Amino acid sequence: MGFLKQEWKKLTLLLAVFLACFYLPLGWERFDNAVYEALALVKWYAREHVLLCLVPAFFIAGAVSVFVSQGSVMKYLGPGANKLLAYGVAAVSGTILAVCSCTVLPLFAGIYRMGAGLGPACTFLYSGPAINILAIILTARILGFELGLARAAGAISFSILIGLLMHWIYRKEEAKKSKQTAVFPPTESSRPLWKTAVLFLCMIAVLVFANWARSGDIRAVFLCCPGGLKTYAMEGTIVEQSPANLIIQDRTGTEHILPAEQIRQIEPLKKNPLYEGVFKIRWGLTTGFLVLLLGLTFLWVPPEERRQWYQSTWGFAVQILPLLLAGVLAAGFLLGRPGHEGLIPSIWIQKAVGGNSLQANFFAAVAGAFMYFATLTEVPIVQGLLGAGMGKGPALALLLAGPALSLPSMLVLCSVLGTQKTAVFVSLVIIMAAVCGMIFGVFF
C-alpha cells in the first residue's frame, strides 16, 4: 500500500506539471511580461549583488565557522549569555554591516550553526538589513523626518524585541541547547585574537567599499498626482532633460521619468565631502583591502585552516545561492522590478495600501515581506506608492518589513531554521510592522 501511495503522489505531480505546460498562457501580454521581469530581475541581481555582496558574505560566513571558536560564540551570543551583552552585540554587528536581506543570510547561518542563541541570531538577522544608517537618512530626507525617525526607532527596537520573542517562544529548546553546548571545552585559536580581528575587518571593508553607493547631484521638487496633487522631492543624478521630461537616476540606480509640467524646483545638493571622497576612491580601497587580506591570509592562516575556510565558504554558497536565485525569479515573476509590473498588477497593491486601516497596514507589511528590496531601493518604491495615495502608516509598515525580509530570504531561512521557526519569525516581523504602522498613522 505504501508503494502504491508513493507512486500515486508521483503520478499526481507529473500530471500537474503536464497540465501546467499544456495550458501555459504564452501570448498573454501580462504573463509574457512577468516572465521577462523575472529574468530581468535575476540578471540584475546576478550583476549587482552576487559578486559584490554575496561572495564576500560567503567568505565572511565561512571565516566565522572556522576562525571563531564555538566558545567565543557561546560566550557572547549563546543561549546562556548575558542578555544585554548578547542582544547588544547582535544588534550592533548587524548595523555595522548594513547589508540587504539576502546578503545577511550566510552571515546569520554562520553564527547560528556555531552555537549562537536563536534570539541573538534573529536580532542579527533583522538588524543587518533593517538598521541601515544611510537608508534611514535617505528616508528622512526624501520621505519626511517623521518617517525617518519612526523607521529608525522601530527598526532598532524591533531587532531586539523580535529576538527576545523568538527566544521566549522556543525557550525550552534553547535551554536544552545551552546545556548541550556547555559541555564543549573551549578551543584555542592558532593565532592571537587581534590577527583574527584584522582579517575580519579586511573582509568587511571589502564588502562595504565594493558596495559604496553614489550620492545624488540634485534634488527635484515636483507635484504628484493620483489621490490629489501633493509635493514630493527626489534626489539623484540627471540622466536626460528635455522640454517634456526630466529623467533622474536615484542612488539605487533606478531611473524615474518626471513630466516637466509637474516639476516645481531643481536645486543642487550639498554633498558630504568625506562620503564623496570615499566614493571616488572606492575601487582603490576595495582592491587595497583585498590585497591586504590575501597577503595576511597566507602569512597568518595555516594551509589546513585555509582549506577548511574555503570548504565552509563553498558549503554556504551551494546551500544558499540556488535558493536565492529561485526566490528572485519568483519575486520578479509575481511583483516585477521597481517601476515595472509582474504578474500581479501594481494598481492592486496601490489600492490596498491607501488610508490607514488595519487592513492597509497589514497588507503593506505582507507585501513588503515578500517583495525583494536591494539596499536603498525601498525608498523610491515607497515614494512612488505615497504619490499614488498610500497612507503614511502603511508606508512605515512596508519600510519595517520590506528590507528585513523577502521571498528569496524566506526560502533560505527554511533550510537553516526549519519551516516552523521561519514562519514564526516572518509572522512576528509582519505583525509588529503592521501594528507600528497603524499607531504611526494615527498620529501622522
Protein backbone atom coordinates (compact mmCIF):
# COMPACT_ATOMS: atom_id res chain seq x y z
CA MET A 1 0.00 0.00 0.00
CA GLY A 2 2.86 2.36 0.88
CA PHE A 3 4.45 1.76 -2.53
CA LEU A 4 1.17 2.46 -4.37
CA LYS A 5 0.60 5.62 -2.32
CA GLN A 6 4.08 6.87 -3.21
CA GLU A 7 3.53 6.16 -6.91
CA TRP A 8 0.19 7.97 -6.85
CA LYS A 9 1.96 11.04 -5.45
CA LYS A 10 4.47 10.92 -8.31
CA LEU A 11 1.66 10.50 -10.85
CA THR A 12 -0.25 13.47 -9.40
CA LEU A 13 2.87 15.63 -9.54
CA LEU A 14 3.65 14.61 -13.12
CA LEU A 15 0.04 15.29 -14.12
CA ALA A 16 0.11 18.75 -12.52
CA VAL A 17 3.37 19.62 -14.33
CA PHE A 18 1.95 18.34 -17.63
CA LEU A 19 -1.25 20.40 -17.30
CA ALA A 20 0.77 23.50 -16.38
CA CYS A 21 2.87 23.05 -19.53
CA PHE A 22 -0.16 22.19 -21.66
CA TYR A 23 -2.07 25.31 -20.66
CA LEU A 24 0.93 27.64 -20.46
CA PRO A 25 -0.56 31.08 -21.26
CA LEU A 26 2.08 32.14 -23.77
CA GLY A 27 0.94 35.11 -25.81
CA TRP A 28 -0.93 36.67 -22.88
CA GLU A 29 0.81 40.02 -22.53
CA ARG A 30 0.87 40.11 -18.71
CA PHE A 31 2.26 36.56 -18.46
CA ASP A 32 4.93 37.21 -21.09
CA ASN A 33 5.88 40.45 -19.34
CA ALA A 34 6.06 38.64 -15.97
CA VAL A 35 8.46 36.09 -17.45
CA TYR A 36 10.60 38.92 -18.81
CA GLU A 37 10.55 40.69 -15.42
CA ALA A 38 11.63 37.51 -13.64
CA LEU A 39 14.60 37.07 -15.97
CA ALA A 40 15.44 40.80 -15.88
CA LEU A 41 15.42 40.85 -12.06
CA VAL A 42 17.59 37.75 -11.73
CA LYS A 43 20.01 39.20 -14.33
CA TRP A 44 20.21 42.46 -12.36
CA TYR A 45 20.64 40.53 -9.12
CA ALA A 46 23.45 38.41 -10.58
CA ARG A 47 25.27 41.50 -11.87
CA GLU A 48 24.79 43.81 -8.89
CA HIS A 49 24.69 41.51 -5.87
CA VAL A 50 26.29 38.12 -6.35
CA LEU A 51 29.89 39.20 -6.96
CA LEU A 52 29.97 42.35 -4.81
CA CYS A 53 27.65 41.33 -1.96
CA LEU A 54 27.15 37.58 -1.70
CA VAL A 55 30.66 36.35 -2.48
CA PRO A 56 32.26 38.50 0.28
CA ALA A 57 29.42 37.48 2.61
CA PHE A 58 30.05 33.77 1.90
CA PHE A 59 33.74 34.19 2.75
CA ILE A 60 32.89 36.05 5.98
CA ALA A 61 30.41 33.32 6.95
CA GLY A 62 32.98 30.64 6.19
CA ALA A 63 35.56 32.50 8.28
CA VAL A 64 33.13 32.72 11.20
CA SER A 65 32.69 28.95 11.20
CA VAL A 66 36.46 28.29 11.05
CA PHE A 67 38.26 31.24 12.68
CA VAL A 68 35.87 31.91 15.57
CA SER A 69 35.80 29.34 18.34
CA GLN A 70 32.48 27.94 19.47
CA GLY A 71 33.38 29.01 23.00
CA SER A 72 33.57 32.66 21.90
CA VAL A 73 30.22 32.50 20.12
CA MET A 74 28.62 30.86 23.16
CA LYS A 75 30.15 33.44 25.49
CA TYR A 76 28.76 36.47 23.66
CA LEU A 77 25.76 35.17 21.66
CA GLY A 78 24.87 31.79 23.16
CA PRO A 79 21.51 30.92 24.79
CA GLY A 80 23.05 31.28 28.25
CA ALA A 81 24.95 34.52 27.58
CA ASN A 82 24.17 37.77 29.36
CA LYS A 83 21.05 39.10 27.61
CA LEU A 84 22.16 42.74 27.49
CA LEU A 85 25.53 41.75 26.05
CA ALA A 86 24.16 39.16 23.60
CA TYR A 87 21.43 41.32 22.08
CA GLY A 88 23.61 44.44 22.11
CA VAL A 89 26.41 42.65 20.24
CA ALA A 90 23.93 41.12 17.75
CA ALA A 91 22.21 44.45 17.00
CA VAL A 92 25.47 46.40 16.67
CA SER A 93 27.09 43.70 14.48
CA GLY A 94 24.16 43.71 12.08
CA THR A 95 24.05 47.50 11.97
CA ILE A 96 27.73 47.84 11.08
CA LEU A 97 27.37 45.50 8.08
CA ALA A 98 24.25 47.26 6.69
CA VAL A 99 23.50 44.58 4.10
CA CYS A 100 20.32 43.51 2.30
CA SER A 101 18.00 40.69 3.40
CA CYS A 102 19.81 38.17 1.19
CA THR A 103 23.43 39.14 1.90
CA VAL A 104 22.89 38.79 5.65
CA LEU A 105 21.77 35.15 5.31
CA PRO A 106 25.17 33.41 5.05
CA LEU A 107 26.42 35.50 7.98
CA PHE A 108 23.36 34.56 10.04
CA ALA A 109 23.74 30.89 9.13
CA GLY A 110 27.40 31.02 10.16
CA ILE A 111 26.85 32.35 13.69
CA TYR A 112 23.72 30.23 14.26
CA ARG A 113 25.48 26.98 13.37
CA MET A 114 28.39 27.94 15.61
CA GLY A 115 26.06 27.91 18.60
CA ALA A 116 24.56 31.41 18.80
CA GLY A 117 21.23 31.51 20.59
CA LEU A 118 18.12 31.74 18.45
CA GLY A 119 17.20 35.13 19.95
CA PRO A 120 20.52 36.95 19.37
CA ALA A 121 20.85 35.30 15.94
CA CYS A 122 17.39 36.58 14.92
CA THR A 123 18.28 40.04 16.26
CA PHE A 124 21.34 39.98 13.99
CA LEU A 125 19.21 38.68 11.10
CA TYR A 126 16.76 41.58 11.37
CA SER A 127 19.20 44.36 12.27
CA GLY A 128 21.57 43.78 9.30
CA PRO A 129 19.20 44.89 6.54
CA ALA A 130 16.75 46.95 8.65
CA ILE A 131 19.09 49.26 10.63
CA ASN A 132 20.89 50.75 7.65
CA ILE A 133 22.10 54.23 8.62
CA LEU A 134 22.26 55.52 5.05
CA ALA A 135 18.76 54.17 4.27
CA ILE A 136 17.33 55.82 7.39
CA ILE A 137 18.94 59.17 6.49
CA LEU A 138 17.64 58.86 2.92
CA THR A 139 14.17 58.06 4.27
CA ALA A 140 14.18 61.20 6.44
CA ARG A 141 15.38 63.44 3.60
CA ILE A 142 13.08 62.15 0.88
CA LEU A 143 10.00 60.79 2.69
CA GLY A 144 9.99 63.16 5.64
CA PHE A 145 11.67 63.49 9.04
CA GLU A 146 8.79 61.76 10.85
CA LEU A 147 9.03 58.61 8.71
CA GLY A 148 12.82 58.56 9.01
CA LEU A 149 12.72 58.88 12.80
CA ALA A 150 9.93 56.31 13.14
CA ARG A 151 11.82 53.88 10.91
CA ALA A 152 14.99 54.23 12.98
CA ALA A 153 13.20 53.81 16.31
CA GLY A 154 11.07 50.93 15.02
CA ALA A 155 13.95 49.02 13.43
CA ILE A 156 16.22 49.27 16.48
CA SER A 157 13.50 48.23 18.94
CA PHE A 158 12.17 45.54 16.58
CA SER A 159 15.54 43.83 16.21
CA ILE A 160 15.84 43.29 19.96
CA LEU A 161 12.15 42.59 20.61
CA ILE A 162 11.89 40.02 17.82
CA GLY A 163 15.00 38.27 19.13
CA LEU A 164 13.59 38.20 22.68
CA LEU A 165 10.25 36.84 21.45
CA MET A 166 11.92 34.11 19.37
CA HIS A 167 13.97 33.10 22.43
CA TRP A 168 10.85 33.08 24.64
CA ILE A 169 8.75 31.05 22.20
CA TYR A 170 11.47 28.40 21.90
CA ARG A 171 12.83 28.81 25.45
CA LYS A 172 12.68 25.08 26.26
CA GLU A 173 14.60 24.18 23.12
CA GLU A 174 17.12 26.95 23.81
CA ALA A 175 17.61 25.78 27.41
CA LYS A 176 18.33 22.26 26.15
CA LYS A 177 20.73 23.65 23.54
CA SER A 178 22.52 25.67 26.22
CA LYS A 179 23.07 22.56 28.37
CA GLN A 180 24.36 20.54 25.42
CA THR A 181 26.85 23.18 24.27
CA ALA A 182 28.02 23.93 27.82
CA VAL A 183 29.91 20.61 27.93
CA PHE A 184 32.12 21.54 24.96
CA PRO A 185 35.63 22.51 26.11
CA PRO A 186 36.88 25.94 24.90
CA THR A 187 39.08 25.75 21.83
CA GLU A 188 42.21 27.81 21.37
CA SER A 189 42.89 29.69 18.15
CA SER A 190 46.10 29.15 16.19
CA ARG A 191 46.75 32.93 16.21
CA PRO A 192 46.19 35.91 18.55
CA LEU A 193 42.73 37.45 18.69
CA TRP A 194 43.93 40.73 17.15
CA LYS A 195 45.08 38.93 14.00
CA THR A 196 41.68 37.29 13.55
CA ALA A 197 40.02 40.68 14.11
CA VAL A 198 42.22 42.26 11.40
CA LEU A 199 41.26 39.50 8.94
CA PHE A 200 37.55 40.11 9.59
CA LEU A 201 37.98 43.89 9.31
CA CYS A 202 39.61 43.42 5.89
CA MET A 203 36.75 41.21 4.70
CA ILE A 204 34.11 43.64 6.00
CA ALA A 205 35.97 46.56 4.38
CA VAL A 206 35.91 44.77 1.01
CA LEU A 207 32.15 44.19 1.40
CA VAL A 208 31.42 47.80 2.44
CA PHE A 209 33.63 49.70 -0.04
CA ALA A 210 32.75 47.49 -3.03
CA ASN A 211 29.09 48.46 -2.48
CA TRP A 212 29.61 52.14 -1.64
CA ALA A 213 26.70 53.95 -3.35
CA ARG A 214 26.92 57.26 -5.16
CA SER A 215 25.04 60.18 -3.67
CA GLY A 216 22.78 62.36 -5.78
CA ASP A 217 23.70 65.61 -7.53
CA ILE A 218 20.33 67.37 -7.48
CA ARG A 219 17.06 67.46 -5.58
CA ALA A 220 13.94 67.81 -7.72
CA VAL A 221 10.69 69.01 -6.13
CA PHE A 222 7.62 68.00 -8.13
CA LEU A 223 3.86 67.57 -7.94
CA CYS A 224 2.19 64.20 -8.00
CA CYS A 225 -0.66 63.13 -8.72
CA PRO A 226 -3.19 60.25 -8.01
CA GLY A 227 -5.09 60.95 -4.80
CA GLY A 228 -4.63 64.70 -5.17
CA LEU A 229 -1.75 66.98 -6.03
CA LYS A 230 0.99 66.77 -3.40
CA THR A 231 4.58 67.98 -3.33
CA TYR A 232 7.33 65.37 -3.35
CA ALA A 233 11.11 65.51 -3.63
CA MET A 234 13.55 63.13 -5.30
CA GLU A 235 17.32 63.10 -5.02
CA GLY A 236 19.56 61.73 -7.72
CA THR A 237 21.55 62.48 -10.86
CA ILE A 238 20.10 63.90 -14.09
CA VAL A 239 20.30 61.34 -16.88
CA GLU A 240 18.38 63.29 -19.52
CA GLN A 241 16.49 66.57 -19.62
CA SER A 242 14.11 67.72 -22.35
CA PRO A 243 11.22 70.19 -22.62
CA ALA A 244 8.82 67.30 -21.94
CA ASN A 245 10.55 65.18 -19.27
CA LEU A 246 13.33 65.03 -16.71
CA ILE A 247 14.91 61.60 -16.17
CA ILE A 248 16.60 61.18 -12.79
CA GLN A 249 18.63 58.20 -11.62
CA ASP A 250 18.35 57.79 -7.85
CA ARG A 251 21.01 56.38 -5.51
CA THR A 252 19.89 52.82 -6.17
CA GLY A 253 20.40 53.13 -9.94
CA THR A 254 16.65 53.24 -10.69
CA GLU A 255 15.58 55.79 -13.32
CA HIS A 256 12.47 57.93 -12.84
CA ILE A 257 10.72 59.95 -15.55
CA LEU A 258 9.25 63.21 -14.22
CA PRO A 259 6.94 65.22 -16.54
CA ALA A 260 8.29 68.74 -16.96
CA GLU A 261 4.94 70.39 -16.12
CA GLN A 262 4.95 68.76 -12.66
CA ILE A 263 8.45 69.93 -11.68
CA ARG A 264 8.46 72.95 -9.37
CA GLN A 265 12.13 73.28 -8.40
CA ILE A 266 15.56 71.74 -9.09
CA GLU A 267 18.30 72.51 -6.61
CA PRO A 268 21.88 71.23 -6.26
CA LEU A 269 22.55 69.00 -3.29
CA LYS A 270 25.03 69.93 -0.60
CA LYS A 271 27.29 66.89 -0.59
CA ASN A 272 29.31 65.38 2.21
CA PRO A 273 32.98 65.74 1.12
CA LEU A 274 34.05 62.63 3.05
CA TYR A 275 31.29 60.46 1.54
CA GLU A 276 32.02 61.72 -1.98
CA GLY A 277 35.75 61.27 -1.45
CA VAL A 278 35.27 57.66 -0.44
CA PHE A 279 33.06 57.05 -3.48
CA LYS A 280 35.74 58.35 -5.85
CA ILE A 281 38.40 56.01 -4.47
CA ARG A 282 36.12 53.08 -3.55
CA TRP A 283 37.71 50.65 -6.02
CA GLY A 284 41.20 51.57 -4.84
CA LEU A 285 40.12 50.96 -1.24
CA THR A 286 38.43 47.68 -2.18
CA THR A 287 41.49 46.46 -4.08
CA GLY A 288 43.83 47.56 -1.31
CA PHE A 289 41.93 45.71 1.41
CA LEU A 290 41.57 42.66 -0.85
CA VAL A 291 45.32 42.51 -1.50
CA LEU A 292 45.99 43.02 2.22
CA LEU A 293 43.54 40.23 3.07
CA LEU A 294 45.20 37.81 0.64
CA GLY A 295 48.65 38.61 1.97
CA LEU A 296 47.67 38.28 5.63
CA THR A 297 45.78 35.07 4.90
CA PHE A 298 48.90 33.36 3.57
CA LEU A 299 51.01 34.79 6.41
CA TRP A 300 48.71 34.09 9.37
CA VAL A 301 46.40 31.22 8.34
CA PRO A 302 47.90 27.70 8.15
CA PRO A 303 47.20 25.71 4.94
CA GLU A 304 44.85 23.25 6.66
CA GLU A 305 42.79 26.06 8.18
CA ARG A 306 42.64 27.82 4.81
CA ARG A 307 41.33 24.63 3.26
CA GLN A 308 38.62 24.39 5.92
CA TRP A 309 37.73 28.04 5.33
CA TYR A 310 37.31 27.54 1.58
CA GLN A 311 35.29 24.35 2.12
CA SER A 312 32.98 26.12 4.57
CA THR A 313 32.56 29.06 2.17
CA TRP A 314 31.70 26.68 -0.65
CA GLY A 315 29.20 24.88 1.58
CA PHE A 316 27.33 28.12 2.30
CA ALA A 317 27.34 29.08 -1.39
CA VAL A 318 25.95 25.70 -2.51
CA GLN A 319 23.19 25.77 0.10
CA ILE A 320 22.12 29.40 -0.20
CA LEU A 321 22.76 30.68 -3.75
CA PRO A 322 20.40 28.33 -5.68
CA LEU A 323 17.52 29.11 -3.29
CA LEU A 324 18.19 32.84 -3.53
CA LEU A 325 18.20 32.85 -7.32
CA ALA A 326 15.00 30.76 -7.40
CA GLY A 327 13.39 33.20 -4.96
CA VAL A 328 14.47 36.23 -7.01
CA LEU A 329 12.97 34.63 -10.12
CA ALA A 330 9.68 34.06 -8.29
CA ALA A 331 9.65 37.60 -6.85
CA GLY A 332 10.33 39.11 -10.28
CA PHE A 333 7.62 36.98 -11.90
CA LEU A 334 4.97 37.93 -9.34
CA LEU A 335 5.87 41.54 -8.49
CA GLY A 336 8.33 42.70 -11.16
CA ARG A 337 11.23 45.09 -10.71
CA PRO A 338 10.96 48.56 -9.11
CA GLY A 339 8.96 50.66 -11.55
CA HIS A 340 7.85 47.61 -13.59
CA GLU A 341 4.93 45.21 -13.20
CA GLY A 342 4.97 41.44 -12.84
CA LEU A 343 2.01 39.09 -12.87
CA ILE A 344 0.30 40.97 -10.01
CA PRO A 345 -0.85 44.44 -11.18
CA SER A 346 0.72 47.23 -9.16
CA ILE A 347 -2.63 49.03 -9.03
CA TRP A 348 -3.91 46.24 -6.77
CA ILE A 349 -1.16 46.99 -4.28
CA GLN A 350 -1.68 50.75 -4.54
CA LYS A 351 -5.40 50.41 -3.82
CA ALA A 352 -4.81 48.01 -0.94
CA VAL A 353 -2.39 50.30 0.94
CA GLY A 354 -4.43 53.52 0.78
CA GLY A 355 -5.50 55.15 4.06
CA ASN A 356 -4.53 53.91 7.49
CA SER A 357 -6.83 50.98 8.18
CA LEU A 358 -5.63 47.79 9.85
CA GLN A 359 -6.13 46.02 6.53
CA ALA A 360 -3.95 48.55 4.68
CA ASN A 361 -1.14 48.30 7.26
CA PHE A 362 -1.26 44.52 7.34
CA PHE A 363 -1.27 44.28 3.54
CA ALA A 364 1.68 46.70 3.31
CA ALA A 365 3.64 44.60 5.80
CA VAL A 366 2.85 41.35 3.95
CA ALA A 367 3.64 42.86 0.53
CA GLY A 368 6.90 44.28 1.86
CA ALA A 369 7.85 40.96 3.42
CA PHE A 370 7.52 39.09 0.11
CA MET A 371 8.98 41.75 -2.20
CA TYR A 372 12.73 41.85 -2.80
CA PHE A 373 14.39 45.16 -1.86
CA ALA A 374 18.03 45.71 -2.60
CA THR A 375 19.68 48.14 -0.20
CA LEU A 376 18.08 51.63 -0.52
CA THR A 377 15.57 50.62 -3.24
CA GLU A 378 12.72 50.67 -0.74
CA VAL A 379 12.85 54.49 -0.51
CA PRO A 380 11.94 55.33 -4.15
CA ILE A 381 9.38 52.50 -4.16
CA VAL A 382 7.62 53.89 -1.09
CA GLN A 383 7.90 57.39 -2.55
CA GLY A 384 6.05 56.23 -5.66
CA LEU A 385 3.37 54.49 -3.57
CA LEU A 386 2.91 57.63 -1.43
CA GLY A 387 2.39 59.57 -4.64
CA ALA A 388 -0.29 57.06 -5.61
CA GLY A 389 -2.23 57.60 -2.38
CA MET A 390 -0.51 55.30 0.13
CA GLY A 391 -1.03 56.24 3.79
CA LYS A 392 1.96 57.08 6.00
CA GLY A 393 1.13 54.23 8.38
CA PRO A 394 1.30 51.54 5.66
CA ALA A 395 4.44 53.27 4.32
CA LEU A 396 6.17 52.74 7.68
CA ALA A 397 4.88 49.15 7.86
CA LEU A 398 6.43 48.43 4.45
CA LEU A 399 9.71 50.12 5.44
CA LEU A 400 9.97 48.00 8.60
CA ALA A 401 9.05 44.66 7.00
CA GLY A 402 10.41 45.07 3.47
CA PRO A 403 14.19 45.41 3.83
CA ALA A 404 14.38 42.72 6.54
CA LEU A 405 12.51 40.03 4.60
CA SER A 406 11.96 38.82 1.05
CA LEU A 407 10.67 35.70 -0.67
CA PRO A 408 14.24 34.60 -1.54
CA SER A 409 15.39 35.03 2.07
CA MET A 410 12.42 33.02 3.37
CA LEU A 411 13.38 30.04 1.21
CA VAL A 412 16.91 30.10 2.60
CA LEU A 413 15.72 30.57 6.19
CA CYS A 414 13.60 27.44 5.90
CA SER A 415 16.74 25.43 5.12
CA VAL A 416 18.59 26.93 8.12
CA LEU A 417 15.91 27.29 10.81
CA GLY A 418 13.24 24.93 9.57
CA THR A 419 9.76 25.80 8.31
CA GLN A 420 8.17 26.38 11.72
CA LYS A 421 10.76 28.81 13.10
CA THR A 422 10.87 30.65 9.77
CA ALA A 423 7.08 31.03 9.80
CA VAL A 424 7.17 32.37 13.38
CA PHE A 425 9.96 34.86 12.57
CA VAL A 426 8.20 36.11 9.44
CA SER A 427 4.88 36.39 11.31
CA LEU A 428 6.46 38.41 14.12
CA VAL A 429 8.02 40.85 11.64
CA ILE A 430 4.74 41.28 9.73
CA ILE A 431 2.53 41.69 12.82
CA MET A 432 4.87 44.13 14.56
CA ALA A 433 5.37 46.18 11.38
CA ALA A 434 1.60 46.39 10.83
CA VAL A 435 0.89 47.42 14.44
CA CYS A 436 3.67 50.01 14.40
CA GLY A 437 2.38 51.42 11.10
CA MET A 438 -1.16 51.58 12.50
CA ILE A 439 0.00 53.55 15.56
CA PHE A 440 2.15 55.89 13.46
CA GLY A 441 -0.72 56.54 11.05
CA VAL A 442 -3.00 57.65 13.88
CA PHE A 443 -0.62 60.45 14.89
CA PHE A 444 0.69 61.39 11.42
